[in-house]
């Protein structure tokens, strides 16, 4: 069974046991969360498609912690002058593990 969920304006295709990084939200490690913005629930040949969300469907997940993504280098330069600026950025994510998909 799989589901397509929406969290933080990003859509993810998930199955039970998957671990994924979602945009950061406030929650402590070990907390159980319920994601109720489910767009599609599928089971091989049968699937329910919501308009925009499937009624009664939810995904239960456990928060594993907060992690940082890879560093993105930002380099600015203007030609014929001595202007060069180098900065970097690491985006923070919340890592979750999908426990159960409820498709009522």
N, C-alpha and C. Protein backbone atom coordinates (compact mmCIF):
# COMPACT_ATOMS: atom_id res chain seq x y z
N UNK A 1 0.84 -1.17 0.00
CA UNK A 1 0.00 0.00 0.00
C UNK A 1 0.89 1.24 0.00
N UNK A 2 0.48 2.23 -0.76
CA UNK A 2 1.24 3.47 -0.83
C UNK A 2 0.28 4.64 -0.69
N UNK A 3 0.85 5.80 -0.41
CA UNK A 3 0.06 7.03 -0.32
C UNK A 3 0.90 8.18 -0.82
N UNK A 4 0.25 9.18 -1.35
CA UNK A 4 0.91 10.42 -1.72
C UNK A 4 0.41 11.48 -0.75
N UNK A 5 1.35 12.04 0.02
CA UNK A 5 0.99 12.99 1.06
C UNK A 5 1.56 14.36 0.72
N UNK A 6 1.01 15.38 1.36
CA UNK A 6 1.51 16.73 1.19
C UNK A 6 1.87 17.28 2.57
N UNK A 7 3.11 17.76 2.69
CA UNK A 7 3.54 18.41 3.92
C UNK A 7 4.52 19.50 3.55
N UNK A 8 4.32 20.68 4.08
CA UNK A 8 5.20 21.80 3.77
C UNK A 8 5.18 22.19 2.31
N UNK A 9 4.03 22.09 1.64
CA UNK A 9 3.85 22.42 0.22
C UNK A 9 4.67 21.54 -0.71
N UNK A 10 5.08 20.35 -0.23
CA UNK A 10 5.83 19.39 -1.03
C UNK A 10 5.09 18.06 -0.96
N UNK A 11 5.01 17.35 -2.09
CA UNK A 11 4.32 16.06 -2.14
C UNK A 11 5.33 14.92 -2.12
N UNK A 12 5.00 13.85 -1.39
CA UNK A 12 5.87 12.68 -1.27
C UNK A 12 5.05 11.42 -1.49
N UNK A 13 5.65 10.44 -2.18
CA UNK A 13 5.03 9.11 -2.31
C UNK A 13 5.66 8.25 -1.23
N UNK A 14 4.85 7.70 -0.32
CA UNK A 14 5.36 6.96 0.83
C UNK A 14 4.74 5.58 0.91
N UNK A 15 5.49 4.68 1.53
CA UNK A 15 5.01 3.35 1.88
C UNK A 15 5.37 3.11 3.34
N UNK A 16 4.78 2.09 3.93
CA UNK A 16 5.08 1.79 5.33
C UNK A 16 6.54 1.39 5.47
N UNK A 17 7.22 1.96 6.47
CA UNK A 17 8.62 1.67 6.71
C UNK A 17 9.58 2.64 6.04
N UNK A 18 9.08 3.55 5.20
CA UNK A 18 9.95 4.52 4.53
C UNK A 18 10.46 5.57 5.51
N UNK A 19 11.68 6.04 5.26
CA UNK A 19 12.27 7.14 6.00
C UNK A 19 12.50 8.27 5.01
N UNK A 20 12.02 9.47 5.35
CA UNK A 20 12.20 10.57 4.42
C UNK A 20 12.41 11.87 5.17
N UNK A 21 12.98 12.84 4.44
CA UNK A 21 13.24 14.18 4.96
C UNK A 21 12.19 15.12 4.42
N UNK A 22 11.46 15.75 5.33
CA UNK A 22 10.41 16.68 4.94
C UNK A 22 10.82 18.07 5.40
N UNK A 23 10.24 19.12 4.84
CA UNK A 23 10.56 20.47 5.32
C UNK A 23 10.32 20.58 6.82
N UNK A 24 11.16 21.35 7.47
CA UNK A 24 11.22 21.40 8.92
C UNK A 24 9.91 21.89 9.55
N UNK A 25 9.50 21.20 10.62
CA UNK A 25 8.39 21.64 11.45
C UNK A 25 8.74 21.35 12.89
N UNK A 26 8.07 22.05 13.81
CA UNK A 26 8.41 21.92 15.23
C UNK A 26 7.87 20.62 15.79
N UNK A 27 8.78 19.75 16.20
CA UNK A 27 8.42 18.49 16.83
C UNK A 27 9.69 17.88 17.40
N UNK A 28 9.57 17.17 18.51
CA UNK A 28 10.73 16.55 19.14
C UNK A 28 10.92 15.13 18.62
N UNK A 29 12.15 14.62 18.76
CA UNK A 29 12.45 13.26 18.33
C UNK A 29 11.64 12.28 19.18
N UNK A 30 11.07 11.28 18.53
CA UNK A 30 10.28 10.28 19.23
C UNK A 30 8.79 10.56 19.23
N UNK A 31 8.37 11.76 18.80
CA UNK A 31 6.95 12.09 18.77
C UNK A 31 6.26 11.35 17.63
N UNK A 32 5.00 11.01 17.85
CA UNK A 32 4.16 10.42 16.81
C UNK A 32 3.32 11.55 16.20
N UNK A 33 3.29 11.62 14.89
CA UNK A 33 2.51 12.65 14.20
C UNK A 33 1.54 11.99 13.23
N UNK A 34 0.47 12.70 12.92
CA UNK A 34 -0.50 12.22 11.95
C UNK A 34 -0.57 13.22 10.81
N UNK A 35 -0.30 12.74 9.62
CA UNK A 35 -0.37 13.57 8.42
C UNK A 35 -1.70 13.26 7.73
N UNK A 36 -2.61 14.25 7.70
CA UNK A 36 -3.93 13.99 7.16
C UNK A 36 -4.17 14.61 5.78
N UNK A 37 -3.15 15.24 5.21
CA UNK A 37 -3.26 15.76 3.85
C UNK A 37 -2.81 14.66 2.88
N UNK A 38 -3.69 13.69 2.65
CA UNK A 38 -3.40 12.55 1.78
C UNK A 38 -4.10 12.79 0.45
N UNK A 39 -3.31 12.82 -0.62
CA UNK A 39 -3.86 13.10 -1.95
C UNK A 39 -4.34 11.83 -2.65
N UNK A 40 -3.56 10.73 -2.53
CA UNK A 40 -3.88 9.46 -3.18
C UNK A 40 -3.54 8.33 -2.24
N UNK A 41 -4.40 7.31 -2.20
CA UNK A 41 -4.11 6.07 -1.47
C UNK A 41 -4.27 4.95 -2.47
N UNK A 42 -3.23 4.12 -2.62
CA UNK A 42 -3.28 3.04 -3.60
C UNK A 42 -2.84 1.72 -3.03
N UNK A 43 -3.41 0.65 -3.61
CA UNK A 43 -3.07 -0.71 -3.19
C UNK A 43 -3.03 -1.59 -4.43
N UNK A 44 -1.94 -1.51 -5.17
CA UNK A 44 -1.82 -2.33 -6.37
C UNK A 44 -2.77 -1.87 -7.46
N UNK A 45 -3.94 -2.50 -7.56
CA UNK A 45 -4.88 -2.18 -8.62
C UNK A 45 -5.93 -1.16 -8.20
N UNK A 46 -6.24 -1.08 -6.91
CA UNK A 46 -7.23 -0.12 -6.43
C UNK A 46 -6.54 1.14 -5.93
N UNK A 47 -7.13 2.28 -6.22
CA UNK A 47 -6.58 3.53 -5.69
C UNK A 47 -7.72 4.53 -5.50
N UNK A 48 -7.58 5.33 -4.45
CA UNK A 48 -8.54 6.39 -4.17
C UNK A 48 -7.83 7.72 -4.42
N UNK A 49 -8.46 8.57 -5.19
CA UNK A 49 -7.91 9.87 -5.51
C UNK A 49 -8.80 10.92 -4.87
N UNK A 50 -8.22 11.81 -4.11
CA UNK A 50 -8.99 12.83 -3.40
C UNK A 50 -9.22 14.07 -4.23
N UNK A 51 -10.17 14.88 -3.77
CA UNK A 51 -10.45 16.15 -4.43
C UNK A 51 -10.46 17.28 -3.41
N UNK A 52 -9.42 17.85 -2.95
CA UNK A 52 -8.03 17.52 -3.20
C UNK A 52 -7.48 16.45 -2.27
N UNK A 53 -8.16 16.18 -1.12
CA UNK A 53 -7.66 15.19 -0.18
C UNK A 53 -8.66 14.04 -0.04
N UNK A 54 -8.13 12.85 0.28
CA UNK A 54 -8.98 11.67 0.47
C UNK A 54 -9.62 11.78 1.86
N UNK A 55 -10.95 11.67 1.91
CA UNK A 55 -11.67 11.77 3.18
C UNK A 55 -11.36 10.57 4.07
N UNK A 56 -11.00 10.84 5.33
CA UNK A 56 -10.78 9.78 6.30
C UNK A 56 -9.42 9.11 6.22
N UNK A 57 -8.60 9.46 5.25
CA UNK A 57 -7.27 8.83 5.11
C UNK A 57 -6.24 9.64 5.88
N UNK A 58 -5.29 8.93 6.47
CA UNK A 58 -4.21 9.58 7.19
C UNK A 58 -2.99 8.68 7.20
N UNK A 59 -1.85 9.29 7.51
CA UNK A 59 -0.59 8.57 7.60
C UNK A 59 0.01 8.86 8.97
N UNK A 60 0.37 7.80 9.69
CA UNK A 60 0.97 7.95 11.01
C UNK A 60 2.48 7.78 10.86
N UNK A 61 3.24 8.70 11.46
CA UNK A 61 4.70 8.67 11.33
C UNK A 61 5.35 8.99 12.67
N UNK A 62 6.62 8.61 12.78
CA UNK A 62 7.40 8.91 13.98
C UNK A 62 8.52 9.86 13.59
N UNK A 63 8.73 10.89 14.41
CA UNK A 63 9.79 11.86 14.14
C UNK A 63 11.11 11.29 14.64
N UNK A 64 12.09 11.20 13.75
CA UNK A 64 13.41 10.68 14.11
C UNK A 64 14.34 11.78 14.60
N UNK A 65 14.15 12.99 14.13
CA UNK A 65 14.99 14.10 14.56
C UNK A 65 15.12 15.15 13.48
N UNK A 66 15.97 16.11 13.76
CA UNK A 66 16.21 17.20 12.83
C UNK A 66 17.59 17.03 12.21
N UNK A 67 17.69 17.15 10.90
CA UNK A 67 18.96 16.97 10.20
C UNK A 67 19.18 18.16 9.27
N UNK A 68 20.42 18.32 8.83
CA UNK A 68 20.76 19.36 7.87
C UNK A 68 21.05 18.73 6.52
N UNK A 69 20.69 19.44 5.47
CA UNK A 69 20.95 18.97 4.13
C UNK A 69 22.38 19.30 3.69
N UNK A 70 22.68 19.00 2.45
CA UNK A 70 24.00 19.30 1.90
C UNK A 70 24.18 20.81 1.78
N UNK A 71 25.44 21.24 1.83
CA UNK A 71 25.73 22.66 1.74
C UNK A 71 25.61 23.13 0.29
N UNK A 72 24.93 24.25 0.13
CA UNK A 72 24.77 24.88 -1.17
C UNK A 72 25.70 26.08 -1.20
N UNK A 73 26.62 26.12 -2.18
CA UNK A 73 27.55 27.23 -2.32
C UNK A 73 26.91 28.33 -3.15
N UNK A 74 27.00 29.56 -2.65
CA UNK A 74 26.50 30.73 -3.37
C UNK A 74 27.71 31.61 -3.67
N UNK A 75 27.96 31.86 -4.95
CA UNK A 75 29.13 32.66 -5.36
C UNK A 75 28.65 33.79 -6.24
N UNK A 76 28.96 35.03 -5.83
CA UNK A 76 28.60 36.22 -6.61
C UNK A 76 29.87 36.89 -7.08
N UNK A 77 29.84 37.35 -8.33
CA UNK A 77 31.02 38.00 -8.88
C UNK A 77 30.59 39.05 -9.90
N UNK A 78 31.27 40.17 -9.89
CA UNK A 78 31.04 41.20 -10.90
C UNK A 78 32.32 41.37 -11.69
N UNK A 79 32.20 41.34 -12.99
CA UNK A 79 33.39 41.38 -13.83
C UNK A 79 34.04 42.76 -13.83
N UNK A 80 35.32 42.76 -14.12
CA UNK A 80 36.14 43.96 -14.23
C UNK A 80 36.21 44.77 -12.93
N UNK A 81 35.80 44.18 -11.85
CA UNK A 81 35.99 44.80 -10.54
C UNK A 81 36.53 43.71 -9.62
N UNK A 82 36.84 44.06 -8.41
CA UNK A 82 37.38 43.06 -7.50
C UNK A 82 36.29 42.52 -6.58
N UNK A 83 35.05 42.48 -7.06
CA UNK A 83 33.95 42.04 -6.22
C UNK A 83 33.75 40.54 -6.35
N UNK A 84 33.97 39.83 -5.26
CA UNK A 84 33.68 38.39 -5.20
C UNK A 84 33.13 38.10 -3.81
N UNK A 85 32.02 37.40 -3.74
CA UNK A 85 31.39 37.10 -2.46
C UNK A 85 31.00 35.62 -2.45
N UNK A 86 31.46 34.89 -1.48
CA UNK A 86 31.17 33.46 -1.38
C UNK A 86 30.49 33.18 -0.05
N UNK A 87 29.29 32.62 -0.10
CA UNK A 87 28.56 32.22 1.09
C UNK A 87 28.01 30.83 0.89
N UNK A 88 27.46 30.27 1.94
CA UNK A 88 26.88 28.94 1.85
C UNK A 88 25.63 28.83 2.69
N UNK A 89 24.87 27.78 2.48
CA UNK A 89 23.62 27.59 3.20
C UNK A 89 23.35 26.10 3.35
N UNK A 90 22.90 25.68 4.54
CA UNK A 90 22.48 24.31 4.77
C UNK A 90 21.04 24.33 5.27
N UNK A 91 20.15 23.76 4.49
CA UNK A 91 18.73 23.73 4.84
C UNK A 91 18.48 22.70 5.94
N UNK A 92 17.60 23.01 6.87
CA UNK A 92 17.24 22.07 7.94
C UNK A 92 15.98 21.31 7.55
N UNK A 93 15.98 20.01 7.84
CA UNK A 93 14.87 19.12 7.55
C UNK A 93 14.46 18.37 8.80
N UNK A 94 13.24 17.86 8.80
CA UNK A 94 12.80 16.95 9.84
C UNK A 94 12.74 15.56 9.21
N UNK A 95 13.38 14.60 9.85
CA UNK A 95 13.42 13.24 9.33
C UNK A 95 12.33 12.42 10.02
N UNK A 96 11.47 11.77 9.22
CA UNK A 96 10.37 10.99 9.77
C UNK A 96 10.39 9.58 9.20
N UNK A 97 9.78 8.65 9.94
CA UNK A 97 9.65 7.27 9.50
C UNK A 97 8.16 6.95 9.47
N UNK A 98 7.68 6.43 8.34
CA UNK A 98 6.28 6.14 8.14
C UNK A 98 5.95 4.82 8.85
N UNK A 99 4.98 4.88 9.78
CA UNK A 99 4.58 3.69 10.54
C UNK A 99 3.39 3.00 9.91
N UNK A 100 2.34 3.76 9.61
CA UNK A 100 1.10 3.13 9.16
C UNK A 100 0.35 4.06 8.21
N UNK A 101 -0.30 3.46 7.21
CA UNK A 101 -1.16 4.21 6.29
C UNK A 101 -2.59 3.78 6.56
N UNK A 102 -3.43 4.71 6.97
CA UNK A 102 -4.83 4.44 7.27
C UNK A 102 -5.69 4.91 6.11
N UNK A 103 -6.33 3.98 5.42
CA UNK A 103 -7.15 4.33 4.25
C UNK A 103 -8.59 3.95 4.51
N UNK A 104 -9.27 4.74 5.36
CA UNK A 104 -10.68 4.43 5.66
C UNK A 104 -11.57 4.97 4.58
